[in-house]
Every structure is written in C-alpha cells, then in structure tokens.
Amino acid sequence: MEHWLPLFHERLETLLDYLPDAAIILDHGAEEAMAAREAQVAEFYDARREAMTKQGFGAAPYKPLPPGALHLPVTEWKEAATNRGVSQFSPFDSPHASAINLASRRGRSFAAERSQAGGNVYEAVKAHVAGKRKDGKQTVIAGWTEGSVERLESILRDHELAPLAVMRSWADAKAAVAAGVIAMVALPLEEGFESGDLVVIAEQDILGDRLVRRARKHRKESDFLAELQALTPGDLVVHVDHGIGRFEGLKTIEVQGAPHDCLFLMYAGNDRLFLPVENIELLTRYGGAGEEAQLDKLGGGAWQARKAKLKERIKEIAEDLIRTAAARELREGDVLPPPDGAFDEFCARFPYEETEDQLTSIEAVLDDLQKGRPMDRLVCGDVGFGKPKWRCARPSSPR
C-alpha cells in the first residue's frame, strides 16, 4: 500500500519537515550512497513499467508511480541542505576553515605478537598500556560485546593488568579513565585509535579480525512450509485439518470480484481444496514414501482417527522419556569445570561472533560438565557456507 501513498495525500512530508531546527550530520560516503540508492529506485521503476506489458502467471499488473512521487530526489535534498547547516565526517584532512580536526590516528595493532611463535599478545598489551599511562594518557579497552569484555577482563587480570574496571557505558568509561582507571566497555569498534590524551584499544587489535555476521532466524522446512517455491506439482503435503493431499499447482480464482492466488490440492475421490497462499503455514511436507501414501478424503474421519492414535503414541513416548530423565537425575558423575585462564584465552581467540544457538550449546555443555551427573551429549560441528554450525542432541539412553 505504501507504494501508492502519494495518491492518498496532497503531498508527502520528509523528516526535515518534522525537524526544521535539527542539525544534519552526514557520514563519510553518504552522498555516494544517495546517488546509488536513487539509481536503484529508478532501475526498479523501469523494471516494473516493463513488467506491465507482460502478464505473469496469477499476478495482477503492478502500476508503479514515478520515483519522484514517493522518494525525495537527490537534487531536492541538496537544495534543502543548502538552506541549513550540514556537517560531514571525513577520514581525510580538509582545507576548509570551518573544518574541525580531531587530531586522531589509528591505534596500535598487535598482529605481530599474534603471529609470532611463542609470543604473548596479552603481555604486549600490558606493556603498551603501561607505556601510554606513563606518558600521561588515559586508556580504554573496547570489546565487541559484553561477553567478550568479560572474557578479556578475566584474561588481562590473569596477566596482572591493573587497575582495571568494566563500565556499562562510554560516559562511565570516560569518568573512570579520568580517575586513573583502565576502563573496559562494550563498543563495536573495528580498530582502536588515539586522540589527544585518550587511547582506545579495540578487541580486534588484540585478537584479530572478528568475522561478524547478521543474526538470522532459521526455520526448518520439515516443520512447515513458508515459501511456495518449496513445492512442485505432484508433491504430497499434509494439511493440519484435512490430512494427506497432493499439490497440483497454483491456481488463480476470483473471490469477491478480485483475483486470488490459491494452492490447488487434490484429495481422495477427486475432492479438491483451494488453500489461499497466505495460509501456506497450515501445510507440512509429507515425510513418508510417496508411492505408498494414500490420500485422505475431505470430511472423512480417517485423518482425525490417525491424529488421535498418534497423540496416544506420543503420550507413551513422553512417559518413557520422563522415566529415563528421572533415572539420569539420580546418578552421580565427575564434576569437570573448565580450567581458569587457559580456557578464557582459548575462547577469546575464536574469530567469529557466536550465534544464539551456538552460545546455547556451549553453555549447556559447560553446565552439564559441572553438574556431577553422567552426560550423554553429542555436539557435531560441520562447515557449510563458510561458517561453523553446531547441533546438540541428547540420546534417550541413560548410559
């Protein structure tokens, strides 16, 4: 609906209209990003106009509005920016008299110590901090996350770097270093810097590049179907209310005078079901052998009877699992806590940002090792798409 927003209003306001007195500060490369975005919008518009002459299967024609009706053109942005103060960050020196030079420079990297056989990067950090403090400079050590700050703090304390304190914000860190303390704080800095009497050492300066990836929620196709592309005509599917059917394809039917895309499902006795595409989550892929499957009949009682029988079987399995879990809880085993110091250094050298599932698996294993009970846990690490994956499973046997 937002693509036709200009048709519902006399004019569209911008953020500048709502904040007439606000200062505008642009990041380095912002103007290049604006031009690239404007070209991308124009490309999408041209593609949609061209698509109007082609009839896609089951798709209603898309009538786009000109980009200038919905997006603020770069020329209008520059005209609006000239009437107000605009500041811009730049990593380069500027000859303009109004430019403010922060006199900052890149901080030290400890890559040489990391690559040196037998070298101790943490001792090098300790010596570097001591030298800067001797010169009267304040030091902040920045970790990528709060968890990495805690690990680094433990390691640096083992190497007798003091006085050291973990702060929750940049303001607290500045107050701490002003009092003569080496502050540690969570800041997503790619590298450290020095500016005036302040020295900031980033986690990546010490441990190397951290390979950060955006967290993503993963969904299993075996649990439910979320995309139409996951189905091909002839596939067997299971509807939560109607049972096993066969997917015949996508069909457009008219509902209240408007075309509507539906999944065409065939059941026993040539019964037909048209399921709107927005309700595709009601389907799961049939997991058995396709040639042995028998289609259910719409409105019949066979599917409901099988569901009831399956619930009883699940209940029996659950009772067995409860008995097994109770037997496991009564047995005793060795308590195996991770070694102090060495374990933290080992974890700190891991160059990836752990996913939520990975952190959960790691914490669960460490917790089990320290419970003093026998543990049956299999952690399988495989490599796919350039990143590690972790799976965790508990066998039902108490042995």
Protein backbone atom coordinates (compact mmCIF):
# COMPACT_ATOMS: atom_id res chain seq x y z
CA MET A 1 0.00 0.00 0.00
CA GLU A 2 2.87 2.40 0.78
CA HIS A 3 3.92 2.30 -2.89
CA TRP A 4 0.74 4.24 -3.74
CA LEU A 5 0.93 6.52 -0.69
CA PRO A 6 1.15 9.75 -2.80
CA LEU A 7 -2.31 9.03 -4.19
CA PHE A 8 -3.87 9.39 -0.73
CA HIS A 9 -2.24 12.70 0.26
CA GLU A 10 -1.81 16.11 -1.31
CA ARG A 11 1.92 15.99 -0.53
CA LEU A 12 4.37 13.81 1.38
CA GLU A 13 6.50 15.29 4.15
CA THR A 14 10.11 14.39 4.84
CA LEU A 15 11.99 14.12 8.09
CA LEU A 16 13.28 17.64 7.51
CA ASP A 17 9.70 18.96 7.66
CA TYR A 18 9.21 17.45 11.10
CA LEU A 19 12.60 18.59 12.44
CA PRO A 20 13.18 22.04 10.96
CA ASP A 21 15.83 23.06 13.51
CA ALA A 22 17.72 19.77 13.82
CA ALA A 23 21.39 19.59 12.89
CA ILE A 24 22.29 17.35 9.94
CA ILE A 25 25.46 15.28 10.21
CA LEU A 26 26.42 13.02 7.31
CA ASP A 27 28.71 10.03 7.47
CA HIS A 28 31.63 9.69 5.08
CA GLY A 29 30.35 8.46 1.73
CA ALA A 30 26.74 9.50 2.37
CA GLU A 31 26.42 11.41 -0.91
CA GLU A 32 27.68 8.44 -2.93
CA ALA A 33 25.17 6.22 -1.11
CA MET A 34 22.33 8.65 -2.01
CA ALA A 35 23.25 8.59 -5.69
CA ALA A 36 23.46 4.77 -5.70
CA ARG A 37 20.08 4.47 -3.98
CA GLU A 38 18.45 6.89 -6.44
CA ALA A 39 19.80 4.83 -9.36
CA GLN A 40 18.48 1.64 -7.76
CA VAL A 41 14.99 3.13 -7.31
CA ALA A 42 14.98 4.24 -10.95
CA GLU A 43 16.01 0.75 -12.04
CA PHE A 44 13.16 -0.83 -10.05
CA TYR A 45 10.70 1.66 -11.57
CA ASP A 46 11.83 0.86 -15.12
CA ALA A 47 11.58 -2.88 -14.45
CA ARG A 48 8.03 -2.56 -13.10
CA ARG A 49 6.92 -0.42 -16.03
CA GLU A 50 8.32 -3.01 -18.41
CA ALA A 51 6.55 -5.80 -16.49
CA MET A 52 3.17 -4.10 -17.12
CA THR A 53 3.35 -5.28 -20.73
CA LYS A 54 3.94 -8.89 -19.65
CA GLN A 55 1.29 -11.00 -17.98
CA GLY A 56 2.78 -13.08 -15.15
CA PHE A 57 1.07 -16.30 -14.03
CA GLY A 58 -1.56 -15.46 -11.43
CA ALA A 59 -0.12 -12.00 -10.82
CA ALA A 60 -2.11 -8.78 -11.04
CA PRO A 61 -0.45 -5.96 -13.04
CA TYR A 62 1.69 -3.64 -10.92
CA LYS A 63 1.29 0.04 -11.79
CA PRO A 64 4.22 1.94 -10.27
CA LEU A 65 4.33 5.67 -9.63
CA PRO A 66 7.28 7.76 -10.79
CA PRO A 67 10.16 7.71 -8.26
CA GLY A 68 9.85 11.44 -7.60
CA ALA A 69 6.31 10.98 -6.27
CA LEU A 70 7.42 8.71 -3.44
CA HIS A 71 11.14 9.33 -2.93
CA LEU A 72 12.98 12.60 -2.31
CA PRO A 73 15.22 13.22 -5.34
CA VAL A 74 18.89 13.98 -4.65
CA THR A 75 18.53 17.37 -6.33
CA GLU A 76 15.75 18.38 -3.91
CA TRP A 77 17.78 17.06 -0.97
CA LYS A 78 20.78 19.20 -1.95
CA GLU A 79 18.53 22.24 -2.32
CA ALA A 80 17.06 21.67 1.15
CA ALA A 81 20.50 21.04 2.64
CA THR A 82 21.89 24.35 1.38
CA ASN A 83 19.37 26.24 3.49
CA ARG A 84 20.56 24.66 6.74
CA GLY A 85 23.84 23.72 8.35
CA VAL A 86 25.16 20.34 7.27
CA SER A 87 28.26 18.74 8.80
CA GLN A 88 30.07 15.72 7.41
CA PHE A 89 32.59 13.30 8.84
CA SER A 90 35.67 12.56 6.78
CA PRO A 91 38.76 10.43 7.40
CA PHE A 92 40.85 12.97 5.47
CA ASP A 93 42.16 16.43 6.33
CA SER A 94 40.11 19.27 4.90
CA PRO A 95 41.41 22.68 3.72
CA HIS A 96 38.17 24.41 4.70
CA ALA A 97 38.47 26.89 7.53
CA SER A 98 35.30 25.54 9.14
CA ALA A 99 36.71 22.02 9.36
CA ILE A 100 37.40 20.63 12.83
CA ASN A 101 40.44 18.37 13.07
CA LEU A 102 40.16 15.87 15.92
CA ALA A 103 43.86 15.00 15.59
CA SER A 104 43.09 11.29 15.77
CA ARG A 105 45.15 8.46 14.38
CA ARG A 106 44.90 4.72 14.16
CA GLY A 107 45.90 2.85 17.30
CA ARG A 108 48.46 0.09 17.59
CA SER A 109 47.72 -3.37 16.24
CA PHE A 110 49.18 -6.40 17.96
CA ALA A 111 49.22 -8.53 14.80
CA ALA A 112 52.99 -9.08 15.06
CA GLU A 113 52.68 -10.57 18.54
CA ARG A 114 49.76 -12.78 17.45
CA SER A 115 51.71 -14.23 14.53
CA GLN A 116 54.95 -14.67 16.46
CA ALA A 117 55.65 -18.22 17.59
CA GLY A 118 55.65 -18.31 21.37
CA GLY A 119 54.64 -14.65 21.56
CA ASN A 120 52.26 -13.45 24.25
CA VAL A 121 49.88 -10.84 22.91
CA TYR A 122 48.43 -10.09 26.35
CA GLU A 123 51.84 -9.25 27.80
CA ALA A 124 52.35 -6.92 24.82
CA VAL A 125 49.04 -5.23 25.59
CA LYS A 126 50.07 -4.84 29.22
CA ALA A 127 53.40 -3.24 28.24
CA HIS A 128 51.70 -0.93 25.71
CA VAL A 129 49.15 0.28 28.25
CA ALA A 130 51.87 0.83 30.85
CA GLY A 131 53.85 2.95 28.39
CA LYS A 132 50.83 5.09 27.48
CA ARG A 133 49.91 5.61 31.14
CA LYS A 134 53.50 6.64 31.84
CA ASP A 135 53.10 9.30 29.14
CA GLY A 136 50.01 10.57 31.00
CA LYS A 137 47.41 9.17 28.61
CA GLN A 138 44.10 7.58 29.56
CA THR A 139 43.30 4.08 28.28
CA VAL A 140 40.02 2.43 27.28
CA ILE A 141 39.84 -1.19 26.10
CA ALA A 142 36.77 -1.86 23.94
CA GLY A 143 35.24 -5.31 23.47
CA TRP A 144 32.81 -6.14 20.69
CA THR A 145 30.12 -7.41 23.07
CA GLU A 146 29.58 -7.53 26.82
CA GLY A 147 30.52 -11.21 26.77
CA SER A 148 33.84 -10.52 25.05
CA VAL A 149 34.53 -7.72 27.54
CA GLU A 150 34.08 -10.18 30.42
CA ARG A 151 36.43 -12.70 28.77
CA LEU A 152 39.07 -10.06 28.07
CA GLU A 153 38.82 -8.74 31.62
CA SER A 154 39.44 -12.20 33.06
CA ILE A 155 42.45 -12.76 30.80
CA LEU A 156 44.00 -9.34 31.41
CA ARG A 157 43.57 -9.71 35.18
CA ASP A 158 45.40 -13.04 34.96
CA HIS A 159 48.24 -11.12 33.30
CA GLU A 160 48.14 -8.57 36.15
CA LEU A 161 46.94 -5.56 34.18
CA ALA A 162 45.66 -3.11 36.78
CA PRO A 163 43.78 -1.06 37.85
CA LEU A 164 41.04 -2.48 35.62
CA ALA A 165 37.28 -1.88 35.74
CA VAL A 166 34.34 -2.83 33.49
CA MET A 167 31.96 0.02 32.66
CA ARG A 168 28.46 -0.16 31.20
CA SER A 169 28.58 2.95 29.02
CA TRP A 170 31.02 5.27 27.27
CA ALA A 171 30.20 8.05 29.74
CA ASP A 172 31.11 5.79 32.67
CA ALA A 173 34.31 4.76 30.88
CA LYS A 174 35.39 8.38 30.41
CA ALA A 175 34.74 9.12 34.09
CA ALA A 176 36.74 6.04 35.09
CA VAL A 177 39.82 6.85 32.98
CA ALA A 178 39.76 10.42 34.30
CA ALA A 179 40.17 8.89 37.77
CA GLY A 180 43.20 6.89 36.64
CA VAL A 181 41.48 3.55 35.97
CA ILE A 182 41.88 1.41 32.84
CA ALA A 183 38.27 1.16 31.67
CA MET A 184 36.73 -1.68 29.69
CA VAL A 185 33.47 -1.17 27.82
CA ALA A 186 31.44 -2.84 25.05
CA LEU A 187 31.83 -0.84 21.82
CA PRO A 188 31.58 -2.34 18.31
CA LEU A 189 34.85 -0.79 17.07
CA GLU A 190 36.72 -2.43 14.22
CA GLU A 191 40.01 -0.92 15.37
CA GLY A 192 41.35 1.35 18.09
CA PHE A 193 42.58 4.93 17.86
CA GLU A 194 44.48 7.63 19.73
CA SER A 195 43.21 11.18 20.10
CA GLY A 196 44.84 13.72 22.37
CA ASP A 197 45.37 12.12 25.77
CA LEU A 198 42.94 9.24 25.07
CA VAL A 199 43.99 5.77 23.86
CA VAL A 200 41.32 3.29 22.79
CA ILE A 201 42.38 -0.33 22.19
CA ALA A 202 39.82 -2.45 20.33
CA GLU A 203 39.30 -6.17 20.81
CA GLN A 204 40.23 -6.75 17.17
CA ASP A 205 43.57 -5.01 17.70
CA ILE A 206 44.38 -7.70 20.27
CA LEU A 207 42.73 -10.84 18.88
CA GLY A 208 42.48 -10.13 15.17
CA ASP A 209 39.54 -9.55 12.88
CA ARG A 210 36.20 -10.70 14.19
CA LEU A 211 34.07 -12.23 11.47
CA VAL A 212 30.70 -10.68 12.23
CA ARG A 213 27.56 -11.86 10.51
CA ARG A 214 23.99 -10.74 10.93
CA ALA A 215 21.96 -12.99 13.14
CA ARG A 216 19.25 -14.86 11.30
CA LYS A 217 16.32 -16.89 12.44
CA HIS A 218 16.41 -20.30 10.84
CA ARG A 219 13.26 -22.22 10.06
CA LYS A 220 13.14 -25.91 9.28
CA GLU A 221 11.30 -26.83 6.08
CA SER A 222 10.40 -30.16 7.65
CA ASP A 223 8.35 -28.35 10.30
CA PHE A 224 6.28 -26.17 8.00
CA LEU A 225 6.23 -24.68 4.54
CA ALA A 226 6.83 -20.95 4.30
CA GLU A 227 7.64 -20.48 0.61
CA LEU A 228 5.68 -21.54 -2.46
CA GLN A 229 8.97 -22.38 -4.21
CA ALA A 230 9.40 -25.30 -1.78
CA LEU A 231 6.58 -27.14 -3.60
CA THR A 232 6.38 -28.66 -7.06
CA PRO A 233 3.26 -30.18 -8.67
CA GLY A 234 2.83 -33.78 -7.58
CA ASP A 235 4.33 -33.30 -4.09
CA LEU A 236 2.42 -34.83 -1.20
CA VAL A 237 1.55 -32.47 1.64
CA VAL A 238 -0.25 -32.76 4.96
CA HIS A 239 -2.93 -30.23 5.89
CA VAL A 240 -3.34 -29.79 9.63
CA ASP A 241 -7.12 -30.27 9.39
CA HIS A 242 -7.65 -32.40 6.27
CA GLY A 243 -4.67 -34.79 6.16
CA ILE A 244 -2.65 -36.06 3.18
CA GLY A 245 -3.28 -34.45 -0.19
CA ARG A 246 -1.41 -33.87 -3.45
CA PHE A 247 -0.26 -30.43 -4.57
CA GLU A 248 -1.36 -29.83 -8.17
CA GLY A 249 -0.07 -26.30 -8.63
CA LEU A 250 -1.03 -22.67 -8.18
CA LYS A 251 -4.44 -21.57 -9.39
CA THR A 252 -5.95 -18.10 -9.53
CA ILE A 253 -9.62 -17.94 -8.60
CA GLU A 254 -11.94 -14.97 -8.34
CA VAL A 255 -13.02 -14.05 -4.81
CA GLN A 256 -15.47 -11.15 -4.40
CA GLY A 257 -14.59 -9.87 -7.85
CA ALA A 258 -10.82 -9.89 -7.32
CA PRO A 259 -8.21 -12.48 -8.40
CA HIS A 260 -6.74 -14.54 -5.57
CA ASP A 261 -3.82 -16.99 -5.71
CA CYS A 262 -4.54 -20.35 -4.12
CA LEU A 263 -2.75 -23.68 -3.76
CA PHE A 264 -4.71 -26.37 -5.60
CA LEU A 265 -4.76 -29.60 -3.51
CA MET A 266 -6.27 -32.89 -4.65
CA TYR A 267 -7.69 -35.45 -2.18
CA ALA A 268 -9.19 -38.94 -2.46
CA GLY A 269 -12.32 -39.24 -4.58
CA ASN A 270 -11.19 -36.27 -6.70
CA ASP A 271 -12.02 -33.94 -3.82
CA ARG A 272 -10.46 -30.51 -4.33
CA LEU A 273 -9.25 -27.91 -1.85
CA PHE A 274 -8.16 -24.37 -2.74
CA LEU A 275 -5.90 -23.02 0.03
CA PRO A 276 -5.05 -19.26 -0.06
CA VAL A 277 -1.29 -18.75 -0.37
CA GLU A 278 -1.24 -16.68 2.82
CA ASN A 279 -2.31 -19.79 4.75
CA ILE A 280 0.53 -21.98 3.46
CA GLU A 281 1.78 -22.46 7.04
CA LEU A 282 -1.11 -24.94 7.51
CA LEU A 283 0.80 -27.38 5.28
CA THR A 284 3.80 -29.60 6.01
CA ARG A 285 5.68 -31.75 3.58
CA TYR A 286 4.74 -35.45 3.69
CA GLY A 287 7.72 -37.34 5.05
CA GLY A 288 6.88 -40.92 4.05
CA ALA A 289 7.38 -42.83 0.81
CA GLY A 290 5.29 -41.11 -1.84
CA GLU A 291 4.27 -44.22 -3.76
CA GLU A 292 2.82 -45.85 -0.60
CA ALA A 293 0.84 -42.85 0.59
CA GLN A 294 -2.96 -42.94 0.49
CA LEU A 295 -4.77 -39.67 0.02
CA ASP A 296 -7.31 -38.72 2.65
CA LYS A 297 -10.90 -37.85 1.86
CA LEU A 298 -12.15 -34.38 2.65
CA GLY A 299 -14.57 -34.51 5.56
CA GLY A 300 -13.73 -38.14 6.35
CA GLY A 301 -12.85 -39.46 9.80
CA ALA A 302 -9.69 -41.40 8.90
CA TRP A 303 -7.36 -38.44 9.34
CA GLN A 304 -8.83 -37.45 12.69
CA ALA A 305 -8.59 -41.08 13.90
CA ARG A 306 -4.89 -41.24 12.91
CA LYS A 307 -4.23 -37.97 14.72
CA ALA A 308 -5.86 -39.32 17.89
CA LYS A 309 -3.84 -42.56 17.66
CA LEU A 310 -0.64 -40.61 17.16
CA LYS A 311 -1.36 -38.46 20.22
CA GLU A 312 -1.66 -41.62 22.32
CA ARG A 313 1.65 -42.90 20.96
CA ILE A 314 3.32 -39.56 21.71
CA LYS A 315 1.98 -39.76 25.26
CA GLU A 316 3.54 -43.22 25.71
CA ILE A 317 6.89 -41.99 24.37
CA ALA A 318 6.75 -38.99 26.71
CA GLU A 319 6.22 -41.27 29.71
CA ASP A 320 9.28 -43.32 28.72
CA LEU A 321 11.35 -40.16 28.36
CA ILE A 322 10.25 -38.92 31.78
CA ARG A 323 11.28 -42.23 33.40
CA THR A 324 14.66 -42.08 31.61
CA ALA A 325 15.23 -38.47 32.68
CA ALA A 326 14.38 -39.33 36.30
CA ALA A 327 16.91 -42.21 36.25
CA ARG A 328 19.59 -39.89 34.89
CA GLU A 329 19.00 -37.31 37.63
CA LEU A 330 19.63 -39.91 40.35
CA ARG A 331 23.03 -40.98 39.02
CA GLU A 332 26.29 -39.27 40.00
CA GLY A 333 29.29 -38.38 37.86
CA ASP A 334 32.51 -36.37 37.90
CA VAL A 335 32.46 -32.56 38.21
CA LEU A 336 34.54 -31.10 35.36
CA PRO A 337 34.76 -27.28 35.45
CA PRO A 338 36.73 -25.54 32.66
CA PRO A 339 40.29 -24.52 33.65
CA ASP A 340 40.67 -20.87 34.62
CA GLY A 341 42.76 -18.61 32.43
CA ALA A 342 43.67 -21.02 29.64
CA PHE A 343 40.02 -21.66 28.76
CA ASP A 344 39.27 -17.92 28.55
CA GLU A 345 42.26 -17.32 26.28
CA PHE A 346 41.14 -20.21 24.07
CA CYS A 347 37.62 -18.74 23.78
CA ALA A 348 38.92 -15.23 23.13
CA ARG A 349 40.82 -16.38 20.02
CA PHE A 350 37.62 -17.63 18.35
CA PRO A 351 37.30 -15.14 15.44
CA TYR A 352 33.54 -15.44 14.92
CA GLU A 353 30.59 -13.87 16.67
CA GLU A 354 28.72 -16.85 18.05
CA THR A 355 25.09 -17.32 17.08
CA GLU A 356 22.42 -17.72 19.73
CA ASP A 357 22.23 -21.47 19.05
CA GLN A 358 26.00 -21.84 19.37
CA LEU A 359 26.10 -19.95 22.66
CA THR A 360 23.22 -22.04 23.95
CA SER A 361 25.02 -25.27 23.04
CA ILE A 362 28.31 -24.13 24.60
CA GLU A 363 26.67 -23.01 27.84
CA ALA A 364 24.62 -26.22 28.04
CA VAL A 365 27.72 -28.42 27.66
CA LEU A 366 29.68 -26.45 30.27
CA ASP A 367 26.71 -26.59 32.64
CA ASP A 368 26.34 -30.36 32.19
CA LEU A 369 30.06 -30.94 32.81
CA GLN A 370 29.78 -29.21 36.18
CA LYS A 371 26.54 -30.84 37.37
CA GLY A 372 28.21 -34.00 38.62
CA ARG A 373 25.87 -36.25 36.66
CA PRO A 374 26.52 -38.52 33.67
CA MET A 375 26.11 -36.64 30.42
CA ASP A 376 25.06 -38.10 27.07
CA ARG A 377 25.55 -35.22 24.66
CA LEU A 378 26.71 -35.20 21.07
CA VAL A 379 27.95 -31.92 19.60
CA CYS A 380 28.53 -32.21 15.86
CA GLY A 381 30.44 -29.40 14.15
CA ASP A 382 30.23 -29.19 10.37
CA VAL A 383 31.19 -26.49 7.90
CA GLY A 384 28.78 -25.01 5.41
CA PHE A 385 28.61 -21.66 3.60
CA GLY A 386 31.85 -20.56 5.26
CA LYS A 387 30.73 -20.65 8.88
CA PRO A 388 30.64 -23.27 11.61
CA LYS A 389 27.35 -24.85 12.65
CA TRP A 390 26.58 -26.60 15.89
CA ARG A 391 24.00 -29.22 16.63
CA CYS A 392 23.23 -30.61 20.03
CA ALA A 393 21.30 -33.81 20.80
CA ARG A 394 20.57 -35.95 23.82
CA PRO A 395 20.20 -39.72 23.29
CA SER A 396 17.42 -41.27 25.32
CA SER A 397 19.70 -43.94 26.86
CA PRO A 398 20.83 -43.17 30.45
CA ARG A 399 24.19 -44.90 29.89
